Amino acid sequence: MLPQFGTAVRKKNLNSAVTADLGGGTPDKASVDAAWLVLEAANDLGDHAAIEACRRVIDAELTGTVARTADVDLVLGYFR
């Protein structure tokens, strides 16, 4: 099997993060790490909607609850 690069890998990772959130588990580690990076950038830009979404994703990880799919999508797609 050939290795996957670029868009194929991003779509696969995005889908797995969203599926994990729908499955009732805790947020995916990659989405939480991304939330911290996006939170920093959103603070610098004054993007209040993104700040709140990041906080909800981070809080979900800390409390062991499920983050909303819309919040995870915003976090993972923020720099695109």
PDB file of N, CA and C in Angstrom:
ATOM      1  N   MET A   1       0.843  -1.185   0.000  1.00  0.00           N
ATOM      2  CA  MET A   1       0.000   0.000   0.000  1.00  0.00           C
ATOM      3  C   MET A   1       0.885   1.244   0.000  1.00  0.00           C
ATOM      4  N   LEU A   2       0.493   2.233  -0.768  1.00  0.00           N
ATOM      5  CA  LEU A   2       1.256   3.473  -0.867  1.00  0.00           C
ATOM      6  C   LEU A   2       0.955   4.379   0.320  1.00  0.00           C
ATOM      7  N   PRO A   3       1.951   5.122   0.783  1.00  0.00           N
ATOM      8  CA  PRO A   3       1.700   6.056   1.889  1.00  0.00           C
ATOM      9  C   PRO A   3       0.801   7.192   1.418  1.00  0.00           C
ATOM     10  N   GLN A   4       0.013   7.742   2.335  1.00  0.00           N
ATOM     11  CA  GLN A   4      -0.869   8.855   2.016  1.00  0.00           C
ATOM     12  C   GLN A   4      -0.198  10.168   2.404  1.00  0.00           C
ATOM     13  N   PHE A   5      -0.387  11.155   1.557  1.00  0.00           N
ATOM     14  CA  PHE A   5       0.188  12.462   1.810  1.00  0.00           C
ATOM     15  C   PHE A   5      -0.875  13.540   1.659  1.00  0.00           C
ATOM     16  N   GLY A   6      -0.616  14.697   2.239  1.00  0.00           N
ATOM     17  CA  GLY A   6      -1.420  15.893   2.015  1.00  0.00           C
ATOM     18  C   GLY A   6      -2.868  15.780   2.426  1.00  0.00           C
ATOM     19  N   THR A   7      -3.750  16.124   1.494  1.00  0.00           N
ATOM     20  CA  THR A   7      -5.178  16.219   1.769  1.00  0.00           C
ATOM     21  C   THR A   7      -5.767  14.908   2.247  1.00  0.00           C
ATOM     22  N   ALA A   8      -5.333  13.791   1.690  1.00  0.00           N
ATOM     23  CA  ALA A   8      -5.882  12.488   2.086  1.00  0.00           C
ATOM     24  C   ALA A   8      -5.641  12.225   3.570  1.00  0.00           C
ATOM     25  N   VAL A   9      -4.479  12.586   4.058  1.00  0.00           N
ATOM     26  CA  VAL A   9      -4.157  12.367   5.466  1.00  0.00           C
ATOM     27  C   VAL A   9      -4.969  13.310   6.345  1.00  0.00           C
ATOM     28  N   ARG A  10      -5.078  14.584   5.947  1.00  0.00           N
ATOM     29  CA  ARG A  10      -5.849  15.547   6.741  1.00  0.00           C
ATOM     30  C   ARG A  10      -7.311  15.130   6.829  1.00  0.00           C
ATOM     31  N   LYS A  11      -7.897  14.691   5.706  1.00  0.00           N
ATOM     32  CA  LYS A  11      -9.296  14.274   5.723  1.00  0.00           C
ATOM     33  C   LYS A  11      -9.476  13.056   6.615  1.00  0.00           C
ATOM     34  N   LYS A  12      -8.552  12.112   6.546  1.00  0.00           N
ATOM     35  CA  LYS A  12      -8.642  10.914   7.376  1.00  0.00           C
ATOM     36  C   LYS A  12      -8.563  11.300   8.853  1.00  0.00           C
ATOM     37  N   ASN A  13      -7.624  12.166   9.216  1.00  0.00           N
ATOM     38  CA  ASN A  13      -7.475  12.589  10.608  1.00  0.00           C
ATOM     39  C   ASN A  13      -8.679  13.392  11.080  1.00  0.00           C
ATOM     40  N   LEU A  14      -9.205  14.263  10.233  1.00  0.00           N
ATOM     41  CA  LEU A  14     -10.375  15.046  10.590  1.00  0.00           C
ATOM     42  C   LEU A  14     -11.563  14.132  10.828  1.00  0.00           C
ATOM     43  N   ASN A  15     -11.771  13.176   9.931  1.00  0.00           N
ATOM     44  CA  ASN A  15     -12.896  12.257  10.086  1.00  0.00           C
ATOM     45  C   ASN A  15     -12.761  11.415  11.345  1.00  0.00           C
ATOM     46  N   SER A  16     -11.565  10.977  11.681  1.00  0.00           N
ATOM     47  CA  SER A  16     -11.404  10.170  12.887  1.00  0.00           C
ATOM     48  C   SER A  16     -11.657  11.001  14.137  1.00  0.00           C
ATOM     49  N   ALA A  17     -11.274  12.279  14.126  1.00  0.00           N
ATOM     50  CA  ALA A  17     -11.523  13.141  15.283  1.00  0.00           C
ATOM     51  C   ALA A  17     -13.014  13.384  15.458  1.00  0.00           C
ATOM     52  N   VAL A  18     -13.709  13.623  14.357  1.00  0.00           N
ATOM     53  CA  VAL A  18     -15.145  13.866  14.436  1.00  0.00           C
ATOM     54  C   VAL A  18     -15.861  12.594  14.850  1.00  0.00           C
ATOM     55  N   THR A  19     -15.475  11.451  14.308  1.00  0.00           N
ATOM     56  CA  THR A  19     -16.096  10.181  14.670  1.00  0.00           C
ATOM     57  C   THR A  19     -15.890   9.883  16.144  1.00  0.00           C
ATOM     58  N   ALA A  20     -14.706  10.165  16.667  1.00  0.00           N
ATOM     59  CA  ALA A  20     -14.440   9.930  18.083  1.00  0.00           C
ATOM     60  C   ALA A  20     -15.361  10.777  18.947  1.00  0.00           C
ATOM     61  N   ASP A  21     -15.615  12.019  18.517  1.00  0.00           N
ATOM     62  CA  ASP A  21     -16.483  12.889  19.296  1.00  0.00           C
ATOM     63  C   ASP A  21     -17.931  12.411  19.260  1.00  0.00           C
ATOM     64  N   LEU A  22     -18.347  11.813  18.161  1.00  0.00           N
ATOM     65  CA  LEU A  22     -19.711  11.319  18.070  1.00  0.00           C
ATOM     66  C   LEU A  22     -19.886  10.009  18.821  1.00  0.00           C
ATOM     67  N   GLY A  23     -18.793   9.293  19.056  1.00  0.00           N
ATOM     68  CA  GLY A  23     -18.866   7.993  19.687  1.00  0.00           C
ATOM     69  C   GLY A  23     -19.003   8.039  21.192  1.00  0.00           C
ATOM     70  N   GLY A  24     -18.987   9.184  21.799  1.00  0.00           N
ATOM     71  CA  GLY A  24     -19.185   9.286  23.228  1.00  0.00           C
ATOM     72  C   GLY A  24     -17.901   9.264  24.031  1.00  0.00           C
ATOM     73  N   GLY A  25     -16.747   9.272  23.380  1.00  0.00           N
ATOM     74  CA  GLY A  25     -15.478   9.280  24.087  1.00  0.00           C
ATOM     75  C   GLY A  25     -15.019  10.690  24.355  1.00  0.00           C
ATOM     76  N   THR A  26     -13.826  10.784  24.897  1.00  0.00           N
ATOM     77  CA  THR A  26     -13.249  12.101  25.139  1.00  0.00           C
ATOM     78  C   THR A  26     -12.704  12.658  23.833  1.00  0.00           C
ATOM     79  N   PRO A  27     -12.464  13.956  23.750  1.00  0.00           N
ATOM     80  CA  PRO A  27     -11.949  14.544  22.514  1.00  0.00           C
ATOM     81  C   PRO A  27     -10.608  13.923  22.119  1.00  0.00           C
ATOM     82  N   ASP A  28     -10.380  13.857  20.833  1.00  0.00           N
ATOM     83  CA  ASP A  28      -9.146  13.332  20.283  1.00  0.00           C
ATOM     84  C   ASP A  28      -7.975  14.198  20.735  1.00  0.00           C
ATOM     85  N   LYS A  29      -6.842  13.582  21.073  1.00  0.00           N
ATOM     86  CA  LYS A  29      -5.656  14.309  21.554  1.00  0.00           C
ATOM     87  C   LYS A  29      -5.214  15.373  20.547  1.00  0.00           C
ATOM     88  N   ALA A  30      -5.291  15.040  19.252  1.00  0.00           N
ATOM     89  CA  ALA A  30      -4.880  16.002  18.227  1.00  0.00           C
ATOM     90  C   ALA A  30      -5.782  17.231  18.236  1.00  0.00           C
ATOM     91  N   SER A  31      -7.073  17.040  18.458  1.00  0.00           N
ATOM     92  CA  SER A  31      -7.976  18.191  18.466  1.00  0.00           C
ATOM     93  C   SER A  31      -7.745  19.070  19.695  1.00  0.00           C
ATOM     94  N   VAL A  32      -7.367  18.472  20.807  1.00  0.00           N
ATOM     95  CA  VAL A  32      -7.073  19.255  22.011  1.00  0.00           C
ATOM     96  C   VAL A  32      -5.772  20.024  21.830  1.00  0.00           C
ATOM     97  N   ASP A  33      -4.757  19.378  21.278  1.00  0.00           N
ATOM     98  CA  ASP A  33      -3.497  20.084  21.002  1.00  0.00           C
ATOM     99  C   ASP A  33      -3.734  21.236  20.030  1.00  0.00           C
ATOM    100  N   ALA A  34      -4.535  20.990  18.997  1.00  0.00           N
ATOM    101  CA  ALA A  34      -4.854  22.043  18.032  1.00  0.00           C
ATOM    102  C   ALA A  34      -5.626  23.167  18.711  1.00  0.00           C
ATOM    103  N   ALA A  35      -6.501  22.822  19.646  1.00  0.00           N
ATOM    104  CA  ALA A  35      -7.287  23.842  20.336  1.00  0.00           C
ATOM    105  C   ALA A  35      -6.390  24.818  21.094  1.00  0.00           C
ATOM    106  N   TRP A  36      -5.324  24.311  21.708  1.00  0.00           N
ATOM    107  CA  TRP A  36      -4.394  25.210  22.416  1.00  0.00           C
ATOM    108  C   TRP A  36      -3.697  26.149  21.445  1.00  0.00           C
ATOM    109  N   LEU A  37      -3.288  25.640  20.270  1.00  0.00           N
ATOM    110  CA  LEU A  37      -2.634  26.487  19.266  1.00  0.00           C
ATOM    111  C   LEU A  37      -3.596  27.530  18.708  1.00  0.00           C
ATOM    112  N   VAL A  38      -4.810  27.087  18.394  1.00  0.00           N
ATOM    113  CA  VAL A  38      -5.811  28.004  17.856  1.00  0.00           C
ATOM    114  C   VAL A  38      -6.198  29.036  18.905  1.00  0.00           C
ATOM    115  N   LEU A  39      -6.295  28.624  20.162  1.00  0.00           N
ATOM    116  CA  LEU A  39      -6.630  29.555  21.236  1.00  0.00           C
ATOM    117  C   LEU A  39      -5.625  30.702  21.299  1.00  0.00           C
ATOM    118  N   GLU A  40      -4.355  30.381  21.173  1.00  0.00           N
ATOM    119  CA  GLU A  40      -3.325  31.422  21.192  1.00  0.00           C
ATOM    120  C   GLU A  40      -3.477  32.380  20.015  1.00  0.00           C
ATOM    121  N   ALA A  41      -3.681  31.815  18.818  1.00  0.00           N
ATOM    122  CA  ALA A  41      -3.839  32.654  17.632  1.00  0.00           C
ATOM    123  C   ALA A  41      -5.120  33.478  17.712  1.00  0.00           C
ATOM    124  N   ALA A  42      -6.194  32.859  18.156  1.00  0.00           N
ATOM    125  CA  ALA A  42      -7.478  33.566  18.257  1.00  0.00           C
ATOM    126  C   ALA A  42      -7.401  34.699  19.275  1.00  0.00           C
ATOM    127  N   ASN A  43      -6.680  34.484  20.364  1.00  0.00           N
ATOM    128  CA  ASN A  43      -6.477  35.570  21.341  1.00  0.00           C
ATOM    129  C   ASN A  43      -5.746  36.733  20.709  1.00  0.00           C
ATOM    130  N   ASP A  44      -4.695  36.435  19.921  1.00  0.00           N
ATOM    131  CA  ASP A  44      -3.933  37.494  19.254  1.00  0.00           C
ATOM    132  C   ASP A  44      -4.795  38.273  18.264  1.00  0.00           C
ATOM    133  N   LEU A  45      -5.711  37.551  17.590  1.00  0.00           N
ATOM    134  CA  LEU A  45      -6.554  38.176  16.564  1.00  0.00           C
ATOM    135  C   LEU A  45      -7.853  38.753  17.115  1.00  0.00           C
ATOM    136  N   GLY A  46      -8.164  38.462  18.366  1.00  0.00           N
ATOM    137  CA  GLY A  46      -9.421  38.931  18.937  1.00  0.00           C
ATOM    138  C   GLY A  46     -10.631  38.191  18.397  1.00  0.00           C
ATOM    139  N   ASP A  47     -10.450  36.957  17.989  1.00  0.00           N
ATOM    140  CA  ASP A  47     -11.524  36.137  17.419  1.00  0.00           C
ATOM    141  C   ASP A  47     -12.277  35.454  18.562  1.00  0.00           C
ATOM    142  N   HIS A  48     -13.298  36.118  19.073  1.00  0.00           N
ATOM    143  CA  HIS A  48     -14.003  35.656  20.268  1.00  0.00           C
ATOM    144  C   HIS A  48     -14.749  34.345  20.057  1.00  0.00           C
ATOM    145  N   ALA A  49     -15.313  34.132  18.874  1.00  0.00           N
ATOM    146  CA  ALA A  49     -16.028  32.881  18.597  1.00  0.00           C
ATOM    147  C   ALA A  49     -15.073  31.694  18.646  1.00  0.00           C
ATOM    148  N   ALA A  50     -13.889  31.861  18.071  1.00  0.00           N
ATOM    149  CA  ALA A  50     -12.892  30.784  18.077  1.00  0.00           C
ATOM    150  C   ALA A  50     -12.363  30.546  19.494  1.00  0.00           C
ATOM    151  N   ILE A  51     -12.199  31.604  20.250  1.00  0.00           N
ATOM    152  CA  ILE A  51     -11.730  31.472  21.636  1.00  0.00           C
ATOM    153  C   ILE A  51     -12.704  30.615  22.431  1.00  0.00           C
ATOM    154  N   GLU A  52     -13.990  30.898  22.301  1.00  0.00           N
ATOM    155  CA  GLU A  52     -14.999  30.134  23.031  1.00  0.00           C
ATOM    156  C   GLU A  52     -15.041  28.678  22.579  1.00  0.00           C
ATOM    157  N   ALA A  53     -14.907  28.425  21.274  1.00  0.00           N
ATOM    158  CA  ALA A  53     -14.902  27.048  20.764  1.00  0.00           C
ATOM    159  C   ALA A  53     -13.696  26.283  21.306  1.00  0.00           C
ATOM    160  N   CYS A  54     -12.548  26.930  21.331  1.00  0.00           N
ATOM    161  CA  CYS A  54     -11.341  26.297  21.867  1.00  0.00           C
ATOM    162  C   CYS A  54     -11.507  25.962  23.337  1.00  0.00           C
ATOM    163  N   ARG A  55     -12.063  26.885  24.072  1.00  0.00           N
ATOM    164  CA  ARG A  55     -12.282  26.647  25.505  1.00  0.00           C
ATOM    165  C   ARG A  55     -13.210  25.463  25.733  1.00  0.00           C
ATOM    166  N   ARG A  56     -14.253  25.340  24.893  1.00  0.00           N
ATOM    167  CA  ARG A  56     -15.177  24.215  25.053  1.00  0.00           C
ATOM    168  C   ARG A  56     -14.496  22.890  24.737  1.00  0.00           C
ATOM    169  N   VAL A  57     -13.641  22.862  23.706  1.00  0.00           N
ATOM    170  CA  VAL A  57     -12.914  21.629  23.363  1.00  0.00           C
ATOM    171  C   VAL A  57     -11.955  21.265  24.490  1.00  0.00           C
ATOM    172  N   ILE A  58     -11.224  22.231  25.011  1.00  0.00           N
ATOM    173  CA  ILE A  58     -10.275  21.993  26.101  1.00  0.00           C
ATOM    174  C   ILE A  58     -11.011  21.563  27.368  1.00  0.00           C
ATOM    175  N   ASP A  59     -12.100  22.243  27.693  1.00  0.00           N
ATOM    176  CA  ASP A  59     -12.888  21.871  28.873  1.00  0.00           C
ATOM    177  C   ASP A  59     -13.444  20.450  28.754  1.00  0.00           C
ATOM    178  N   ALA A  60     -13.874  20.079  27.562  1.00  0.00           N
ATOM    179  CA  ALA A  60     -14.400  18.727  27.346  1.00  0.00           C
ATOM    180  C   ALA A  60     -13.316  17.690  27.635  1.00  0.00           C
ATOM    181  N   GLU A  61     -12.096  17.968  27.220  1.00  0.00           N
ATOM    182  CA  GLU A  61     -10.994  17.036  27.472  1.00  0.00           C
ATOM    183  C   GLU A  61     -10.706  16.945  28.966  1.00  0.00           C
ATOM    184  N   LEU A  62     -10.738  18.064  29.639  1.00  0.00           N
ATOM    185  CA  LEU A  62     -10.433  18.089  31.069  1.00  0.00           C
ATOM    186  C   LEU A  62     -11.510  17.414  31.910  1.00  0.00           C
ATOM    187  N   THR A  63     -12.760  17.507  31.463  1.00  0.00           N
ATOM    188  CA  THR A  63     -13.859  16.917  32.225  1.00  0.00           C
ATOM    189  C   THR A  63     -14.238  15.527  31.737  1.00  0.00           C
ATOM    190  N   GLY A  64     -13.639  15.076  30.633  1.00  0.00           N
ATOM    191  CA  GLY A  64     -13.945  13.745  30.105  1.00  0.00           C
ATOM    192  C   GLY A  64     -15.274  13.665  29.385  1.00  0.00           C
ATOM    193  N   THR A  65     -15.770  14.799  28.918  1.00  0.00           N
ATOM    194  CA  THR A  65     -17.024  14.820  28.170  1.00  0.00           C
ATOM    195  C   THR A  65     -16.750  14.951  26.688  1.00  0.00           C
ATOM    196  N   VAL A  66     -17.808  15.001  25.907  1.00  0.00           N
ATOM    197  CA  VAL A  66     -17.686  15.058  24.450  1.00  0.00           C
ATOM    198  C   VAL A  66     -17.773  16.504  23.987  1.00  0.00           C
ATOM    199  N   ALA A  67     -16.805  16.906  23.162  1.00  0.00           N
ATOM    200  CA  ALA A  67     -16.834  18.241  22.571  1.00  0.00           C
ATOM    201  C   ALA A  67     -17.818  18.252  21.406  1.00  0.00           C
ATOM    202  N   ARG A  68     -18.445  19.391  21.179  1.00  0.00           N
ATOM    203  CA  ARG A  68     -19.373  19.508  20.059  1.00  0.00           C
ATOM    204  C   ARG A  68     -18.614  19.394  18.748  1.00  0.00           C
ATOM    205  N   THR A  69     -19.221  18.730  17.795  1.00  0.00           N
ATOM    206  CA  THR A  69     -18.598  18.529  16.483  1.00  0.00           C
ATOM    207  C   THR A  69     -18.278  19.862  15.820  1.00  0.00           C
ATOM    208  N   ALA A  70     -19.154  20.834  15.947  1.00  0.00           N
ATOM    209  CA  ALA A  70     -18.920  22.146  15.342  1.00  0.00           C
ATOM    210  C   ALA A  70     -17.670  22.805  15.922  1.00  0.00           C
ATOM    211  N   ASP A  71     -17.458  22.653  17.221  1.00  0.00           N
ATOM    212  CA  ASP A  71     -16.269  23.229  17.851  1.00  0.00           C
ATOM    213  C   ASP A  71     -14.995  22.542  17.353  1.00  0.00           C
ATOM    214  N   VAL A  72     -15.031  21.219  17.267  1.00  0.00           N
ATOM    215  CA  VAL A  72     -13.856  20.473  16.776  1.00  0.00           C
ATOM    216  C   VAL A  72     -13.578  20.841  15.323  1.00  0.00           C
ATOM    217  N   ASP A  73     -14.632  20.948  14.502  1.00  0.00           N
ATOM    218  CA  ASP A  73     -14.446  21.335  13.101  1.00  0.00           C
ATOM    219  C   ASP A  73     -13.814  22.725  12.990  1.00  0.00           C
ATOM    220  N   LEU A  74     -14.264  23.668  13.805  1.00  0.00           N
ATOM    221  CA  LEU A  74     -13.696  25.012  13.775  1.00  0.00           C
ATOM    222  C   LEU A  74     -12.217  24.969  14.145  1.00  0.00           C
ATOM    223  N   VAL A  75     -11.886  24.234  15.200  1.00  0.00           N
ATOM    224  CA  VAL A  75     -10.494  24.146  15.673  1.00  0.00           C
ATOM    225  C   VAL A  75      -9.613  23.518  14.593  1.00  0.00           C
ATOM    226  N   LEU A  76     -10.036  22.385  14.049  1.00  0.00           N
ATOM    227  CA  LEU A  76      -9.198  21.676  13.079  1.00  0.00           C
ATOM    228  C   LEU A  76      -9.085  22.382  11.744  1.00  0.00           C
ATOM    229  N   GLY A  77     -10.045  23.237  11.414  1.00  0.00           N
ATOM    230  CA  GLY A  77      -9.999  23.944  10.142  1.00  0.00           C
ATOM    231  C   GLY A  77      -9.575  25.399  10.257  1.00  0.00           C
ATOM    232  N   TYR A  78      -9.146  25.843  11.417  1.00  0.00           N
ATOM    233  CA  TYR A  78      -8.889  27.256  11.656  1.00  0.00           C
ATOM    234  C   TYR A  78      -7.796  27.839  10.765  1.00  0.00           C
ATOM    235  N   PHE A  79      -6.736  27.121  10.541  1.00  0.00           N
ATOM    236  CA  PHE A  79      -5.597  27.670   9.784  1.00  0.00           C
ATOM    237  C   PHE A  79      -5.670  27.350   8.286  1.00  0.00           C
ATOM    238  N   ARG A  80      -6.740  26.776   7.831  1.00  0.00           N
ATOM    239  CA  ARG A  80      -6.859  26.440   6.386  1.00  0.00           C
ATOM    240  C   ARG A  80      -7.315  27.617   5.598  1.00  0.00           C
TER     241      ARG A  80
END
